[in-house]
Amino acid sequence: MVRPTDVTRGQFAQRLRALLPSGWFPEAPSNDETEQAPILNGLLQGIASVFSWSWGLLQSIYDQQRLGTASGGLLDIYAEDFFGDELPRLANETDDDYRARIKAALFPTLGTRPSLERALAASWSDGWRAVEPRNASDTKGYGVISAPNIGGGYGYGAADLRYGTRLTPFQGFVLISGNPASTPPADVLTAIEKIRAGGVVIWVGNAA
């Protein structure tokens, strides 16, 4: 799509004056000359201001036709068109931040650990930890009672212990920090459910 270039009020006035019959009015002055037809010029400038405003409005419409350049309420309309009332603008959220959330929602990455982590970050700000029983980086190694921190701090006798195993495929844990309630927050459960792949079980609880 070709976007029109800016046209100022003065340029519109010049175009209108050029359409008048030759000889009816004095020629338009050059930069160092005095206007010989001030009443005509004032009339044309008034008409040109309306044309210039309309032209500027047309250019703004070009911007509002694309998600990458839309702003203000038109950006909210984009979100409503695609997601209904599920993706409202946050309080004091800027257009760029809202646009980024809309784009992320349009092309989501689902069923992966990065998508789970993004969902948790968006739904819970007080801290959380994801644990995959088959991921050694999450479960660490087995320690002993006398030295529980061997293996990364999750060994026997260490707090918040999680065992690694190959016998529980398609399962994971999410440990929420700072949750005053005994049950997981509804926002967190909803966010996980939106990205969870079918057949995958994710257990959610409060961190110790």
Protein backbone atom coordinates (compact mmCIF):
# COMPACT_ATOMS: atom_id res chain seq x y z
CA MET A 1 0.00 0.00 0.00
CA VAL A 2 1.38 3.40 -1.01
CA ARG A 3 1.12 5.97 1.75
CA PRO A 4 0.45 9.57 0.66
CA THR A 5 3.13 12.13 1.45
CA ASP A 6 2.52 15.10 3.74
CA VAL A 7 0.88 18.11 2.10
CA THR A 8 0.92 21.39 4.03
CA ARG A 9 -1.71 24.10 4.08
CA GLY A 10 0.54 26.37 2.02
CA GLN A 11 0.98 23.72 -0.66
CA PHE A 12 -2.77 23.23 -0.91
CA ALA A 13 -3.25 27.00 -1.20
CA GLN A 14 -0.69 27.12 -4.01
CA ARG A 15 -2.48 24.33 -5.88
CA LEU A 16 -5.83 26.08 -5.53
CA ARG A 17 -4.39 29.37 -6.72
CA ALA A 18 -2.84 27.69 -9.75
CA LEU A 19 -6.33 26.54 -10.81
CA LEU A 20 -7.68 30.09 -11.03
CA PRO A 21 -7.96 31.62 -14.53
CA SER A 22 -4.84 33.47 -15.60
CA GLY A 23 -5.14 37.26 -15.30
CA TRP A 24 -8.00 37.33 -12.82
CA PHE A 25 -5.71 37.88 -9.80
CA PRO A 26 -2.10 38.85 -9.24
CA GLU A 27 0.44 36.02 -9.43
CA ALA A 28 1.50 34.39 -6.18
CA PRO A 29 4.50 36.21 -4.67
CA SER A 30 7.94 34.67 -4.46
CA ASN A 31 9.76 34.37 -1.16
CA ASP A 32 10.93 38.00 -1.07
CA GLU A 33 7.84 39.63 -2.55
CA THR A 34 4.76 41.14 -0.88
CA GLU A 35 1.39 39.50 -1.35
CA GLN A 36 -0.65 41.58 -3.83
CA ALA A 37 -3.94 39.79 -3.16
CA PRO A 38 -4.18 39.36 0.64
CA ILE A 39 -7.96 38.78 0.65
CA LEU A 40 -7.66 36.05 -1.97
CA ASN A 41 -4.73 34.52 -0.11
CA GLY A 42 -6.67 34.50 3.16
CA LEU A 43 -9.63 32.80 1.49
CA LEU A 44 -7.43 30.17 -0.12
CA GLN A 45 -5.52 29.57 3.12
CA GLY A 46 -8.82 28.93 4.93
CA ILE A 47 -9.94 26.39 2.33
CA ALA A 48 -6.47 24.85 2.29
CA SER A 49 -6.49 24.37 6.07
CA VAL A 50 -9.56 22.13 5.75
CA PHE A 51 -7.91 20.15 2.95
CA SER A 52 -4.68 19.85 4.93
CA TRP A 53 -6.54 18.60 8.03
CA SER A 54 -8.46 16.06 5.91
CA TRP A 55 -5.22 14.91 4.32
CA GLY A 56 -3.62 14.45 7.73
CA LEU A 57 -6.65 12.43 8.85
CA LEU A 58 -6.26 10.22 5.78
CA GLN A 59 -2.64 9.58 6.66
CA SER A 60 -3.56 8.61 10.22
CA ILE A 61 -6.08 6.15 8.79
CA TYR A 62 -3.28 4.50 6.84
CA ASP A 63 -1.46 3.99 10.16
CA GLN A 64 -4.52 2.54 11.85
CA GLN A 65 -4.91 -0.11 9.13
CA ARG A 66 -1.87 -2.04 10.38
CA LEU A 67 -1.24 -3.57 13.77
CA GLY A 68 2.37 -2.42 13.64
CA THR A 69 1.39 1.27 13.43
CA ALA A 70 -2.08 1.44 15.03
CA SER A 71 -2.38 3.48 18.22
CA GLY A 72 -4.79 4.46 20.95
CA GLY A 73 -8.30 3.08 20.82
CA LEU A 74 -7.77 1.49 17.41
CA LEU A 75 -5.17 -0.80 18.98
CA ASP A 76 -7.75 -1.87 21.57
CA ILE A 77 -10.16 -2.63 18.73
CA TYR A 78 -7.55 -4.94 17.17
CA ALA A 79 -7.39 -6.91 20.40
CA GLU A 80 -11.18 -7.07 20.67
CA ASP A 81 -11.51 -8.26 17.06
CA PHE A 82 -9.15 -11.19 17.63
CA PHE A 83 -9.63 -12.05 21.30
CA GLY A 84 -12.90 -10.52 22.46
CA ASP A 85 -12.57 -9.45 26.09
CA GLU A 86 -9.73 -11.90 26.89
CA LEU A 87 -6.87 -9.48 26.17
CA PRO A 88 -7.75 -6.02 27.53
CA ARG A 89 -5.21 -3.24 27.84
CA LEU A 90 -3.59 -3.13 31.27
CA ALA A 91 -3.71 -0.01 33.43
CA ASN A 92 -1.26 2.61 32.11
CA GLU A 93 0.00 0.17 29.46
CA THR A 94 1.66 1.91 26.51
CA ASP A 95 0.73 1.24 22.89
CA ASP A 96 4.06 -0.50 22.21
CA ASP A 97 3.74 -2.81 25.22
CA TYR A 98 0.14 -3.64 24.35
CA ARG A 99 1.06 -4.22 20.71
CA ALA A 100 3.76 -6.67 21.80
CA ARG A 101 1.23 -8.64 23.89
CA ILE A 102 -1.22 -8.73 20.99
CA LYS A 103 1.45 -10.04 18.60
CA ALA A 104 2.53 -12.65 21.13
CA ALA A 105 -1.08 -13.79 21.54
CA LEU A 106 -1.61 -13.93 17.77
CA PHE A 107 1.38 -16.22 17.25
CA PRO A 108 1.71 -18.15 20.51
CA THR A 109 4.21 -20.89 21.20
CA LEU A 110 2.24 -23.55 23.03
CA GLY A 111 3.08 -26.81 24.73
CA THR A 112 6.72 -25.95 25.49
CA ARG A 113 8.62 -25.01 28.61
CA PRO A 114 9.36 -21.47 27.34
CA SER A 115 5.64 -20.95 26.78
CA LEU A 116 4.94 -22.18 30.32
CA GLU A 117 7.53 -19.82 31.74
CA ARG A 118 6.08 -16.87 29.83
CA ALA A 119 2.59 -17.74 31.08
CA LEU A 120 3.83 -17.90 34.67
CA ALA A 121 5.72 -14.61 34.35
CA ALA A 122 2.60 -12.91 33.01
CA SER A 123 0.23 -14.32 35.61
CA TRP A 124 2.29 -14.34 38.82
CA SER A 125 4.90 -11.77 39.85
CA ASP A 126 5.90 -13.08 43.30
CA GLY A 127 8.17 -15.86 42.11
CA TRP A 128 7.75 -19.41 40.89
CA ARG A 129 9.78 -22.43 39.85
CA ALA A 130 9.09 -25.02 37.16
CA VAL A 131 10.29 -28.56 37.76
CA GLU A 132 10.45 -31.36 35.18
CA PRO A 133 11.12 -34.78 36.75
CA ARG A 134 13.15 -35.76 33.67
CA ASN A 135 15.21 -32.57 33.67
CA ALA A 136 18.40 -32.87 35.73
CA SER A 137 18.74 -29.09 35.86
CA ASP A 138 15.48 -29.01 37.84
CA THR A 139 15.84 -32.06 40.08
CA LYS A 140 19.62 -31.81 40.57
CA GLY A 141 21.45 -34.81 42.01
CA TYR A 142 20.89 -37.10 44.97
CA GLY A 143 22.75 -36.02 48.07
CA VAL A 144 22.90 -37.63 51.49
CA ILE A 145 21.63 -36.58 54.90
CA SER A 146 25.11 -35.59 56.02
CA ALA A 147 25.69 -33.44 52.92
CA PRO A 148 22.27 -32.50 51.50
CA ASN A 149 23.60 -29.75 49.25
CA ILE A 150 25.58 -32.13 47.08
CA GLY A 151 24.21 -32.13 43.57
CA GLY A 152 22.91 -28.59 43.55
CA GLY A 153 20.95 -28.29 46.76
CA TYR A 154 18.02 -30.66 46.21
CA GLY A 155 19.49 -33.83 47.68
CA TYR A 156 18.23 -35.91 50.59
CA GLY A 157 17.61 -33.74 53.60
CA ALA A 158 17.41 -30.52 51.57
CA ALA A 159 14.28 -28.40 51.63
CA ASP A 160 11.93 -28.44 48.65
CA LEU A 161 13.28 -31.76 47.38
CA ARG A 162 12.14 -33.03 43.96
CA TYR A 163 13.23 -36.41 42.63
CA GLY A 164 14.22 -36.99 39.05
CA THR A 165 12.75 -40.02 37.33
CA ARG A 166 12.19 -41.50 33.89
CA LEU A 167 8.98 -43.20 34.98
CA THR A 168 6.72 -40.13 34.86
CA PRO A 169 6.63 -38.83 31.28
CA PHE A 170 4.60 -35.77 30.35
CA GLN A 171 4.41 -34.44 33.89
CA GLY A 172 5.79 -31.39 35.65
CA PHE A 173 5.50 -29.26 38.77
CA VAL A 174 5.03 -25.52 39.27
CA LEU A 175 5.91 -24.16 42.71
CA ILE A 176 4.40 -20.77 43.50
CA SER A 177 6.08 -18.39 45.96
CA GLY A 178 4.32 -15.74 47.98
CA ASN A 179 0.84 -17.23 47.68
CA PRO A 180 -1.10 -16.61 50.92
CA ALA A 181 -3.85 -19.08 50.04
CA SER A 182 -3.63 -22.84 50.36
CA THR A 183 -4.84 -23.34 46.80
CA PRO A 184 -3.02 -22.15 43.65
CA PRO A 185 -4.08 -18.78 42.22
CA ALA A 186 -6.85 -19.04 39.61
CA ASP A 187 -4.93 -16.75 37.22
CA VAL A 188 -1.96 -19.11 37.26
CA LEU A 189 -4.10 -22.19 36.64
CA THR A 190 -5.89 -20.47 33.76
CA ALA A 191 -2.61 -19.35 32.19
CA ILE A 192 -1.15 -22.86 32.40
CA GLU A 193 -4.28 -24.44 30.96
CA LYS A 194 -4.11 -22.18 27.90
CA ILE A 195 -0.63 -23.37 26.91
CA ARG A 196 -0.63 -26.93 28.28
CA ALA A 197 -0.41 -29.64 25.64
CA GLY A 198 -3.05 -32.39 25.70
CA GLY A 199 -1.98 -35.36 27.84
CA VAL A 200 0.53 -33.33 29.87
CA VAL A 201 -0.09 -33.11 33.61
CA ILE A 202 1.24 -30.08 35.49
CA TRP A 203 0.95 -30.14 39.26
CA VAL A 204 0.72 -26.70 40.88
CA GLY A 205 1.38 -25.97 44.55
CA ASN A 206 2.94 -23.48 46.93
CA ALA A 207 6.70 -23.46 47.37
CA ALA A 208 7.92 -24.59 50.76
